[in-house]
Amino acid sequence: MCGAVAGGLPVGIDPGKESVIQGVVKRAGEPVVGYVRLLDGGGEFTAEVPTSATGEFRFFAAPGTWTVRALVPGGTADRTVSAAQGSISEVEVLIGA
């Protein structure tokens, strides 16, 4: 139910047809390089992508409620996000917050 682009955001999207979850991982206001997992509403692993050099990530997900889990050196953090068809859900995952 999820397609993901490894470590980058340059792929074009059609928000009228897709549900997109994208964002950035930060610690103390600075981007963090690592991995981001997408977990479904039941907490099951769905996908994983590396962040870009600027901490950015993107998932193409089915509509619904998801958990974005950042796994980076020195910490992890979760954020819950809702995805809806035809929209881009932006999320900032803060490590150590």
Foldseek 3Di string as FASTA:
>chain_A
DKDWDAADDPDDDQLQAFWKEKEFEEEPPFGFWFKKFKAAPVRHTDDMHTHHPRRMTMMTDDFDKIKIWTDGPPFIFIDIWGIDRSDYHYDYTYTPD
